[in-house]
Amino acid sequence: MTRKDPAAIALSVWTGLVLLFLFFPLAVVTIFSFNESTISRFPLQGFTFRWYAKLFNNHAIVEALWNSLIVAVSTVAISTTLGVLAAVGIHRYGGSFAGGLRAFALMPMMVPRLIIGIALLTFYDLFKTNLSLLTVIGGHVVMTLPYVVMIVSARLVGFDKSTEEAAWDLGAGTFTVFREITLPFLKPALIAATLMAFTLSFDEVVVTFFTTGNANTLPMVIWSMLRFGITPEVNAIATITILSSGLFAVAAELSLRRARDLS
C-alpha cells in the first residue's frame, strides 16, 4: 500500500474547501428558489415551481430578459466580427509592433468596469446621445472586444502562414484565403469567443447601469429587486442566470481545449 504525500493530501483538501466556498452560496440560492416559503431559511417548507411560474408571468421581467438577449446577441455579433478582424490584422500585418498592438487591444480588460462605465457615460453625454439599448450594446462591445481578441490571438499562435502563402501563389484572393483557410482554422476559438462574449454581456451590471436608458436588462431588474430584500423570485432569477452562465462557460472551456488540442 503506497502512502500518499501529505502535501498532496493538504492541497486536495484545500482545493475542496475553496470549491465549497465558491459554489456553496450558488447551491443555497438554487435550493431556496424551489422553497414553498417566502422566507429563505432552513428547513425548507416544501418543494414548488411557483416562483418560476410567477417570474414568467411578470411582464417587466420577461421584457428585461428579452432586452438582455437582444443586447447579448448584438454584442456578440459586433465584438466577434471586430475582434477577429483585429486579431488577424495584428497577426498578419503587425510585424514588430504586433505585441504592442495586441497589448493595446487588451487594455480595456485591465480597466475597472466602473471606470469604463463612467468613461462611456461621459462620451455619450459629450455627443448628446440618448441612452438606450444601443448605447448599452456599445458599452458591452467595448467590454467584450478584448476577450475576443485574446482568444483568437491565442489560436493564431499555432497558425501556419505557409498555407495562406501557398493559396495566394495559386491565385486565390485575400477574401477566399480568409474564408477557406483562416476561418475554418479559427472555428474553435470563434465558438469560445462567442460564448465568452455572450456570457459577459448577459451578466453585466456596472457598464449597463451607466449606459442604459429606460429599457432595463435582466441583471438590472435583479439589482433593483434586491433593494427590497432577497425574495424567492430573486432566487429563481439568480438560478436561471447561474445555470445559463455555467453552461456557456463550460461550452467555452470545451471549445478552448479543442483549440489547444488542434494547435
C-alpha atoms as a PDB file:
ATOM      1  CA  MET A   1       0.000   0.000   0.000  1.00  0.00           C
ATOM      2  CA  THR A   2       1.505   3.306  -1.088  1.00  0.00           C
ATOM      3  CA  ARG A   3       1.498   6.253   1.268  1.00  0.00           C
ATOM      4  CA  LYS A   4       0.064   9.449  -0.087  1.00  0.00           C
ATOM      5  CA  ASP A   5       2.197  12.556   0.006  1.00  0.00           C
ATOM      6  CA  PRO A   6       0.988  14.767   2.907  1.00  0.00           C
ATOM      7  CA  ALA A   7       1.465  17.838   0.723  1.00  0.00           C
ATOM      8  CA  ALA A   8      -0.773  16.330  -1.962  1.00  0.00           C
ATOM      9  CA  ILE A   9      -3.436  15.494   0.639  1.00  0.00           C
ATOM     10  CA  ALA A  10      -3.290  19.014   2.073  1.00  0.00           C
ATOM     11  CA  LEU A  11      -3.543  20.513  -1.412  1.00  0.00           C
ATOM     12  CA  SER A  12      -6.541  18.330  -2.233  1.00  0.00           C
ATOM     13  CA  VAL A  13      -8.302  19.322   0.996  1.00  0.00           C
ATOM     14  CA  TRP A  14      -7.551  22.993   0.393  1.00  0.00           C
ATOM     15  CA  THR A  15      -8.842  22.767  -3.186  1.00  0.00           C
ATOM     16  CA  GLY A  16     -12.032  21.123  -1.953  1.00  0.00           C
ATOM     17  CA  LEU A  17     -12.569  23.871   0.634  1.00  0.00           C
ATOM     18  CA  VAL A  18     -12.030  26.590  -1.972  1.00  0.00           C
ATOM     19  CA  LEU A  19     -14.531  24.956  -4.333  1.00  0.00           C
ATOM     20  CA  LEU A  20     -17.009  24.597  -1.467  1.00  0.00           C
ATOM     21  CA  PHE A  21     -16.562  28.273  -0.609  1.00  0.00           C
ATOM     22  CA  LEU A  22     -17.177  29.256  -4.246  1.00  0.00           C
ATOM     23  CA  PHE A  23     -20.143  27.041  -5.048  1.00  0.00           C
ATOM     24  CA  PHE A  24     -21.985  26.618  -1.737  1.00  0.00           C
ATOM     25  CA  PRO A  25     -23.683  30.055  -1.946  1.00  0.00           C
ATOM     26  CA  LEU A  26     -24.805  29.262  -5.505  1.00  0.00           C
ATOM     27  CA  ALA A  27     -26.207  25.932  -4.354  1.00  0.00           C
ATOM     28  CA  VAL A  28     -28.084  27.615  -1.489  1.00  0.00           C
ATOM     29  CA  VAL A  29     -29.667  30.152  -3.864  1.00  0.00           C
ATOM     30  CA  THR A  30     -30.741  27.330  -6.174  1.00  0.00           C
ATOM     31  CA  ILE A  31     -32.253  25.302  -3.315  1.00  0.00           C
ATOM     32  CA  PHE A  32     -34.215  28.265  -1.954  1.00  0.00           C
ATOM     33  CA  SER A  33     -35.637  29.018  -5.402  1.00  0.00           C
ATOM     34  CA  PHE A  34     -37.724  25.840  -5.005  1.00  0.00           C
ATOM     35  CA  ASN A  35     -38.777  26.575  -1.420  1.00  0.00           C
ATOM     36  CA  GLU A  36     -42.525  26.858  -0.808  1.00  0.00           C
ATOM     37  CA  SER A  37     -41.995  29.510   1.858  1.00  0.00           C
ATOM     38  CA  THR A  38     -41.311  33.169   1.061  1.00  0.00           C
ATOM     39  CA  ILE A  39     -38.615  33.180   3.745  1.00  0.00           C
ATOM     40  CA  SER A  40     -35.188  31.877   2.739  1.00  0.00           C
ATOM     41  CA  ARG A  41     -34.233  29.711   5.679  1.00  0.00           C
ATOM     42  CA  PHE A  42     -33.797  26.071   6.640  1.00  0.00           C
ATOM     43  CA  PRO A  43     -35.638  23.773   6.976  1.00  0.00           C
ATOM     44  CA  LEU A  44     -37.466  24.116   3.668  1.00  0.00           C
ATOM     45  CA  GLN A  45     -41.252  24.326   3.839  1.00  0.00           C
ATOM     46  CA  GLY A  46     -41.889  22.308   0.675  1.00  0.00           C
ATOM     47  CA  PHE A  47     -40.947  21.974  -2.984  1.00  0.00           C
ATOM     48  CA  THR A  48     -42.534  24.174  -5.645  1.00  0.00           C
ATOM     49  CA  PHE A  49     -42.040  25.664  -9.113  1.00  0.00           C
ATOM     50  CA  ARG A  50     -44.414  28.509  -8.214  1.00  0.00           C
ATOM     51  CA  TRP A  51     -41.732  31.183  -8.169  1.00  0.00           C
ATOM     52  CA  TYR A  52     -40.550  30.264 -11.671  1.00  0.00           C
ATOM     53  CA  ALA A  53     -44.130  30.410 -12.971  1.00  0.00           C
ATOM     54  CA  LYS A  54     -44.557  33.783 -11.268  1.00  0.00           C
ATOM     55  CA  LEU A  55     -41.391  35.036 -12.953  1.00  0.00           C
ATOM     56  CA  PHE A  56     -42.555  34.278 -16.470  1.00  0.00           C
ATOM     57  CA  ASN A  57     -45.931  35.881 -15.747  1.00  0.00           C
ATOM     58  CA  ASN A  58     -44.160  39.104 -14.772  1.00  0.00           C
ATOM     59  CA  HIS A  59     -44.143  41.387 -17.823  1.00  0.00           C
ATOM     60  CA  ALA A  60     -41.257  43.538 -16.564  1.00  0.00           C
ATOM     61  CA  ILE A  61     -39.001  40.525 -16.020  1.00  0.00           C
ATOM     62  CA  VAL A  62     -39.863  38.932 -19.374  1.00  0.00           C
ATOM     63  CA  GLU A  63     -39.203  42.250 -21.136  1.00  0.00           C
ATOM     64  CA  ALA A  64     -35.888  42.627 -19.302  1.00  0.00           C
ATOM     65  CA  LEU A  65     -34.933  39.088 -20.311  1.00  0.00           C
ATOM     66  CA  TRP A  66     -35.630  39.851 -23.970  1.00  0.00           C
ATOM     67  CA  ASN A  67     -33.640  43.079 -23.701  1.00  0.00           C
ATOM     68  CA  SER A  68     -30.706  41.153 -22.231  1.00  0.00           C
ATOM     69  CA  LEU A  69     -30.854  38.626 -25.066  1.00  0.00           C
ATOM     70  CA  ILE A  70     -31.025  41.398 -27.701  1.00  0.00           C
ATOM     71  CA  VAL A  71     -28.049  43.177 -26.154  1.00  0.00           C
ATOM     72  CA  ALA A  72     -26.016  39.981 -25.741  1.00  0.00           C
ATOM     73  CA  VAL A  73     -26.643  38.687 -29.279  1.00  0.00           C
ATOM     74  CA  SER A  74     -25.902  42.110 -30.812  1.00  0.00           C
ATOM     75  CA  THR A  75     -22.761  42.443 -28.711  1.00  0.00           C
ATOM     76  CA  VAL A  76     -21.578  39.001 -29.813  1.00  0.00           C
ATOM     77  CA  ALA A  77     -22.132  39.797 -33.497  1.00  0.00           C
ATOM     78  CA  ILE A  78     -20.237  43.098 -33.348  1.00  0.00           C
ATOM     79  CA  SER A  79     -17.424  42.178 -30.957  1.00  0.00           C
ATOM     80  CA  THR A  80     -16.732  38.847 -32.658  1.00  0.00           C
ATOM     81  CA  THR A  81     -16.535  40.442 -36.100  1.00  0.00           C
ATOM     82  CA  LEU A  82     -14.306  43.309 -34.958  1.00  0.00           C
ATOM     83  CA  GLY A  83     -12.229  41.066 -32.695  1.00  0.00           C
ATOM     84  CA  VAL A  84     -11.477  38.518 -35.413  1.00  0.00           C
ATOM     85  CA  LEU A  85     -10.511  41.239 -37.889  1.00  0.00           C
ATOM     86  CA  ALA A  86      -8.302  42.932 -35.294  1.00  0.00           C
ATOM     87  CA  ALA A  87      -6.580  39.708 -34.203  1.00  0.00           C
ATOM     88  CA  VAL A  88      -5.962  38.543 -37.779  1.00  0.00           C
ATOM     89  CA  GLY A  89      -4.784  42.004 -38.829  1.00  0.00           C
ATOM     90  CA  ILE A  90      -2.330  42.256 -35.934  1.00  0.00           C
ATOM     91  CA  HIS A  91      -1.062  38.723 -36.547  1.00  0.00           C
ATOM     92  CA  ARG A  92      -0.660  39.191 -40.292  1.00  0.00           C
ATOM     93  CA  TYR A  93       0.453  42.802 -40.623  1.00  0.00           C
ATOM     94  CA  GLY A  94       1.605  43.828 -37.145  1.00  0.00           C
ATOM     95  CA  GLY A  95       5.224  42.867 -37.688  1.00  0.00           C
ATOM     96  CA  SER A  96       7.483  44.062 -34.887  1.00  0.00           C
ATOM     97  CA  PHE A  97       4.605  46.117 -33.462  1.00  0.00           C
ATOM     98  CA  ALA A  98       2.305  43.097 -33.067  1.00  0.00           C
ATOM     99  CA  GLY A  99       2.998  42.674 -29.361  1.00  0.00           C
ATOM    100  CA  GLY A 100       2.361  46.327 -28.581  1.00  0.00           C
ATOM    101  CA  LEU A 101      -0.792  46.457 -30.701  1.00  0.00           C
ATOM    102  CA  ARG A 102      -2.127  43.322 -29.036  1.00  0.00           C
ATOM    103  CA  ALA A 103      -1.411  44.729 -25.568  1.00  0.00           C
ATOM    104  CA  PHE A 104      -3.190  47.957 -26.535  1.00  0.00           C
ATOM    105  CA  ALA A 105      -6.220  45.985 -27.751  1.00  0.00           C
ATOM    106  CA  LEU A 106      -6.361  44.058 -24.461  1.00  0.00           C
ATOM    107  CA  MET A 107      -6.044  47.174 -22.289  1.00  0.00           C
ATOM    108  CA  PRO A 108      -9.792  47.531 -21.508  1.00  0.00           C
ATOM    109  CA  MET A 109      -9.573  44.185 -19.683  1.00  0.00           C
ATOM    110  CA  MET A 110      -7.296  45.841 -17.123  1.00  0.00           C
ATOM    111  CA  VAL A 111      -9.574  48.849 -16.544  1.00  0.00           C
ATOM    112  CA  PRO A 112     -12.209  48.525 -13.775  1.00  0.00           C
ATOM    113  CA  ARG A 113     -15.774  48.286 -15.073  1.00  0.00           C
ATOM    114  CA  LEU A 114     -16.712  51.337 -13.014  1.00  0.00           C
ATOM    115  CA  ILE A 115     -14.171  53.464 -14.886  1.00  0.00           C
ATOM    116  CA  ILE A 116     -15.328  52.086 -18.242  1.00  0.00           C
ATOM    117  CA  GLY A 117     -18.930  52.920 -17.340  1.00  0.00           C
ATOM    118  CA  ILE A 118     -18.091  56.487 -16.312  1.00  0.00           C
ATOM    119  CA  ALA A 119     -15.964  56.994 -19.444  1.00  0.00           C
ATOM    120  CA  LEU A 120     -18.763  55.742 -21.695  1.00  0.00           C
ATOM    121  CA  LEU A 121     -21.351  57.931 -19.965  1.00  0.00           C
ATOM    122  CA  THR A 122     -19.072  60.957 -20.433  1.00  0.00           C
ATOM    123  CA  PHE A 123     -18.550  60.048 -24.092  1.00  0.00           C
ATOM    124  CA  TYR A 124     -22.274  59.680 -24.758  1.00  0.00           C
ATOM    125  CA  ASP A 125     -23.030  62.931 -22.940  1.00  0.00           C
ATOM    126  CA  LEU A 126     -20.356  64.747 -24.947  1.00  0.00           C
ATOM    127  CA  PHE A 127     -22.116  63.847 -28.195  1.00  0.00           C
ATOM    128  CA  LYS A 128     -25.618  64.344 -26.721  1.00  0.00           C
ATOM    129  CA  THR A 129     -26.512  60.688 -27.278  1.00  0.00           C
ATOM    130  CA  ASN A 130     -29.782  59.459 -25.803  1.00  0.00           C
ATOM    131  CA  LEU A 131     -29.220  56.413 -23.622  1.00  0.00           C
ATOM    132  CA  SER A 132     -30.936  53.277 -24.927  1.00  0.00           C
ATOM    133  CA  LEU A 133     -30.224  49.633 -25.691  1.00  0.00           C
ATOM    134  CA  LEU A 134     -27.932  50.852 -28.490  1.00  0.00           C
ATOM    135  CA  THR A 135     -25.692  52.654 -26.005  1.00  0.00           C
ATOM    136  CA  VAL A 136     -25.709  49.549 -23.805  1.00  0.00           C
ATOM    137  CA  ILE A 137     -24.608  47.454 -26.787  1.00  0.00           C
ATOM    138  CA  GLY A 138     -21.812  49.942 -27.499  1.00  0.00           C
ATOM    139  CA  GLY A 139     -20.600  49.696 -23.914  1.00  0.00           C
ATOM    140  CA  HIS A 140     -20.721  45.916 -23.933  1.00  0.00           C
ATOM    141  CA  VAL A 141     -18.736  45.797 -27.185  1.00  0.00           C
ATOM    142  CA  VAL A 142     -16.002  47.886 -25.564  1.00  0.00           C
ATOM    143  CA  MET A 143     -16.006  45.477 -22.607  1.00  0.00           C
ATOM    144  CA  THR A 144     -16.065  42.178 -24.545  1.00  0.00           C
ATOM    145  CA  LEU A 145     -13.922  43.022 -27.577  1.00  0.00           C
ATOM    146  CA  PRO A 146     -10.574  42.488 -25.770  1.00  0.00           C
ATOM    147  CA  TYR A 147     -11.625  38.962 -24.751  1.00  0.00           C
ATOM    148  CA  VAL A 148     -12.385  38.080 -28.372  1.00  0.00           C
ATOM    149  CA  VAL A 149      -9.011  39.458 -29.487  1.00  0.00           C
ATOM    150  CA  MET A 150      -7.241  37.488 -26.739  1.00  0.00           C
ATOM    151  CA  ILE A 151      -8.926  34.168 -27.561  1.00  0.00           C
ATOM    152  CA  VAL A 152      -8.496  34.475 -31.335  1.00  0.00           C
ATOM    153  CA  SER A 153      -4.881  35.666 -30.970  1.00  0.00           C
ATOM    154  CA  ALA A 154      -4.083  32.631 -28.827  1.00  0.00           C
ATOM    155  CA  ARG A 155      -5.430  30.394 -31.587  1.00  0.00           C
ATOM    156  CA  LEU A 156      -3.410  32.201 -34.271  1.00  0.00           C
ATOM    157  CA  VAL A 157      -0.150  31.361 -32.477  1.00  0.00           C
ATOM    158  CA  GLY A 158      -0.341  27.859 -33.971  1.00  0.00           C
ATOM    159  CA  PHE A 159      -1.317  29.042 -37.452  1.00  0.00           C
ATOM    160  CA  ASP A 160       0.999  28.093 -40.322  1.00  0.00           C
ATOM    161  CA  LYS A 161       1.250  31.131 -42.595  1.00  0.00           C
ATOM    162  CA  SER A 162       2.681  28.989 -45.380  1.00  0.00           C
ATOM    163  CA  THR A 163      -0.807  27.629 -46.115  1.00  0.00           C
ATOM    164  CA  GLU A 164      -2.023  31.150 -46.870  1.00  0.00           C
ATOM    165  CA  GLU A 165       1.055  31.892 -48.952  1.00  0.00           C
ATOM    166  CA  ALA A 166       0.528  28.706 -50.949  1.00  0.00           C
ATOM    167  CA  ALA A 167      -3.083  29.690 -51.635  1.00  0.00           C
ATOM    168  CA  TRP A 168      -2.024  33.156 -52.769  1.00  0.00           C
ATOM    169  CA  ASP A 169       0.605  31.631 -55.071  1.00  0.00           C
ATOM    170  CA  LEU A 170      -2.164  29.540 -56.641  1.00  0.00           C
ATOM    171  CA  GLY A 171      -4.144  32.683 -57.417  1.00  0.00           C
ATOM    172  CA  ALA A 172      -6.623  32.789 -54.529  1.00  0.00           C
ATOM    173  CA  GLY A 173      -7.765  36.227 -53.395  1.00  0.00           C
ATOM    174  CA  THR A 174      -7.455  37.583 -49.866  1.00  0.00           C
ATOM    175  CA  PHE A 175     -11.141  37.044 -49.066  1.00  0.00           C
ATOM    176  CA  THR A 176     -11.076  33.495 -50.460  1.00  0.00           C
ATOM    177  CA  VAL A 177      -7.998  32.642 -48.395  1.00  0.00           C
ATOM    178  CA  PHE A 178      -9.649  34.022 -45.267  1.00  0.00           C
ATOM    179  CA  ARG A 179     -12.902  32.142 -45.907  1.00  0.00           C
ATOM    180  CA  GLU A 180     -11.415  28.799 -46.938  1.00  0.00           C
ATOM    181  CA  ILE A 181      -8.264  28.604 -44.772  1.00  0.00           C
ATOM    182  CA  THR A 182      -8.130  31.114 -41.923  1.00  0.00           C
ATOM    183  CA  LEU A 183     -11.761  30.999 -40.805  1.00  0.00           C
ATOM    184  CA  PRO A 184     -12.013  27.175 -40.557  1.00  0.00           C
ATOM    185  CA  PHE A 185      -8.786  27.160 -38.540  1.00  0.00           C
ATOM    186  CA  LEU A 186     -10.249  29.759 -36.168  1.00  0.00           C
ATOM    187  CA  LYS A 187     -13.573  27.938 -35.700  1.00  0.00           C
ATOM    188  CA  PRO A 188     -12.911  26.531 -32.177  1.00  0.00           C
ATOM    189  CA  ALA A 189     -11.650  29.919 -30.988  1.00  0.00           C
ATOM    190  CA  LEU A 190     -14.630  31.653 -32.581  1.00  0.00           C
ATOM    191  CA  ILE A 191     -17.032  29.402 -30.691  1.00  0.00           C
ATOM    192  CA  ALA A 192     -15.206  30.045 -27.420  1.00  0.00           C
ATOM    193  CA  ALA A 193     -15.052  33.807 -28.048  1.00  0.00           C
ATOM    194  CA  THR A 194     -18.744  33.920 -28.935  1.00  0.00           C
ATOM    195  CA  LEU A 195     -19.771  32.092 -25.772  1.00  0.00           C
ATOM    196  CA  MET A 196     -17.468  34.200 -23.627  1.00  0.00           C
ATOM    197  CA  ALA A 197     -18.776  37.473 -25.082  1.00  0.00           C
ATOM    198  CA  PHE A 198     -22.387  36.351 -24.654  1.00  0.00           C
ATOM    199  CA  THR A 199     -21.872  35.369 -21.018  1.00  0.00           C
ATOM    200  CA  LEU A 200     -20.054  38.598 -20.136  1.00  0.00           C
ATOM    201  CA  SER A 201     -22.684  40.739 -21.840  1.00  0.00           C
ATOM    202  CA  PHE A 202     -25.688  38.886 -20.442  1.00  0.00           C
ATOM    203  CA  ASP A 203     -24.468  39.174 -16.834  1.00  0.00           C
ATOM    204  CA  GLU A 204     -23.057  42.720 -16.947  1.00  0.00           C
ATOM    205  CA  VAL A 205     -24.398  45.203 -14.383  1.00  0.00           C
ATOM    206  CA  VAL A 206     -21.918  48.057 -13.882  1.00  0.00           C
ATOM    207  CA  VAL A 207     -21.422  49.124 -17.512  1.00  0.00           C
ATOM    208  CA  THR A 208     -25.149  48.629 -18.154  1.00  0.00           C
ATOM    209  CA  PHE A 209     -26.016  50.868 -15.204  1.00  0.00           C
ATOM    210  CA  PHE A 210     -24.108  53.790 -16.727  1.00  0.00           C
ATOM    211  CA  THR A 211     -25.241  53.295 -20.330  1.00  0.00           C
ATOM    212  CA  THR A 212     -28.894  52.243 -20.131  1.00  0.00           C
ATOM    213  CA  GLY A 213     -31.929  54.471 -20.508  1.00  0.00           C
ATOM    214  CA  ASN A 214     -35.490  53.434 -19.753  1.00  0.00           C
ATOM    215  CA  ALA A 215     -35.032  49.871 -21.036  1.00  0.00           C
ATOM    216  CA  ASN A 216     -33.857  47.528 -18.293  1.00  0.00           C
ATOM    217  CA  THR A 217     -31.853  44.346 -18.705  1.00  0.00           C
ATOM    218  CA  LEU A 218     -32.279  41.273 -16.515  1.00  0.00           C
ATOM    219  CA  PRO A 219     -29.268  41.958 -14.238  1.00  0.00           C
ATOM    220  CA  MET A 220     -30.586  45.489 -13.657  1.00  0.00           C
ATOM    221  CA  VAL A 221     -34.001  44.116 -12.676  1.00  0.00           C
ATOM    222  CA  ILE A 222     -32.347  41.696 -10.249  1.00  0.00           C
ATOM    223  CA  TRP A 223     -30.340  44.554  -8.766  1.00  0.00           C
ATOM    224  CA  SER A 224     -33.447  46.700  -8.288  1.00  0.00           C
ATOM    225  CA  MET A 225     -35.358  43.797  -6.702  1.00  0.00           C
ATOM    226  CA  LEU A 226     -32.541  43.211  -4.207  1.00  0.00           C
ATOM    227  CA  ARG A 227     -33.171  46.636  -2.691  1.00  0.00           C
ATOM    228  CA  PHE A 228     -36.326  45.185  -1.134  1.00  0.00           C
ATOM    229  CA  GLY A 229     -34.597  42.068   0.181  1.00  0.00           C
ATOM    230  CA  ILE A 230     -33.953  38.584  -1.134  1.00  0.00           C
ATOM    231  CA  THR A 231     -37.249  37.081  -2.278  1.00  0.00           C
ATOM    232  CA  PRO A 232     -37.996  33.685  -3.880  1.00  0.00           C
ATOM    233  CA  GLU A 233     -38.356  35.432  -7.251  1.00  0.00           C
ATOM    234  CA  VAL A 234     -34.816  36.792  -6.916  1.00  0.00           C
ATOM    235  CA  ASN A 235     -33.563  33.295  -6.099  1.00  0.00           C
ATOM    236  CA  ALA A 236     -35.354  31.921  -9.169  1.00  0.00           C
ATOM    237  CA  ILE A 237     -33.894  34.592 -11.475  1.00  0.00           C
ATOM    238  CA  ALA A 238     -30.451  34.040  -9.974  1.00  0.00           C
ATOM    239  CA  THR A 239     -30.746  30.282 -10.508  1.00  0.00           C
ATOM    240  CA  ILE A 240     -31.657  30.718 -14.179  1.00  0.00           C
ATOM    241  CA  THR A 241     -28.751  33.136 -14.646  1.00  0.00           C
ATOM    242  CA  ILE A 242     -26.312  30.847 -12.820  1.00  0.00           C
ATOM    243  CA  LEU A 243     -27.286  27.804 -14.884  1.00  0.00           C
ATOM    244  CA  SER A 244     -27.191  29.643 -18.216  1.00  0.00           C
ATOM    245  CA  SER A 245     -23.847  31.290 -17.423  1.00  0.00           C
ATOM    246  CA  GLY A 246     -22.448  27.970 -16.245  1.00  0.00           C
ATOM    247  CA  LEU A 247     -23.494  26.206 -19.436  1.00  0.00           C
ATOM    248  CA  PHE A 248     -21.929  28.915 -21.585  1.00  0.00           C
ATOM    249  CA  ALA A 249     -18.731  28.872 -19.514  1.00  0.00           C
ATOM    250  CA  VAL A 250     -18.417  25.087 -19.827  1.00  0.00           C
ATOM    251  CA  ALA A 251     -19.039  25.261 -23.571  1.00  0.00           C
ATOM    252  CA  ALA A 252     -16.405  27.995 -23.903  1.00  0.00           C
ATOM    253  CA  GLU A 253     -13.859  25.948 -21.942  1.00  0.00           C
ATOM    254  CA  LEU A 254     -14.503  22.859 -24.082  1.00  0.00           C
ATOM    255  CA  SER A 255     -14.022  24.924 -27.237  1.00  0.00           C
ATOM    256  CA  LEU A 256     -10.756  26.359 -25.910  1.00  0.00           C
ATOM    257  CA  ARG A 257      -9.487  22.869 -25.069  1.00  0.00           C
ATOM    258  CA  ARG A 258     -10.324  21.711 -28.564  1.00  0.00           C
ATOM    259  CA  ALA A 259      -8.470  24.703 -29.990  1.00  0.00           C
ATOM    260  CA  ARG A 260      -5.397  23.888 -27.897  1.00  0.00           C
ATOM    261  CA  ASP A 261      -5.530  20.210 -28.880  1.00  0.00           C
ATOM    262  CA  LEU A 262      -5.665  21.098 -32.564  1.00  0.00           C
ATOM    263  CA  SER A 263      -2.748  23.539 -32.287  1.00  0.00           C
END
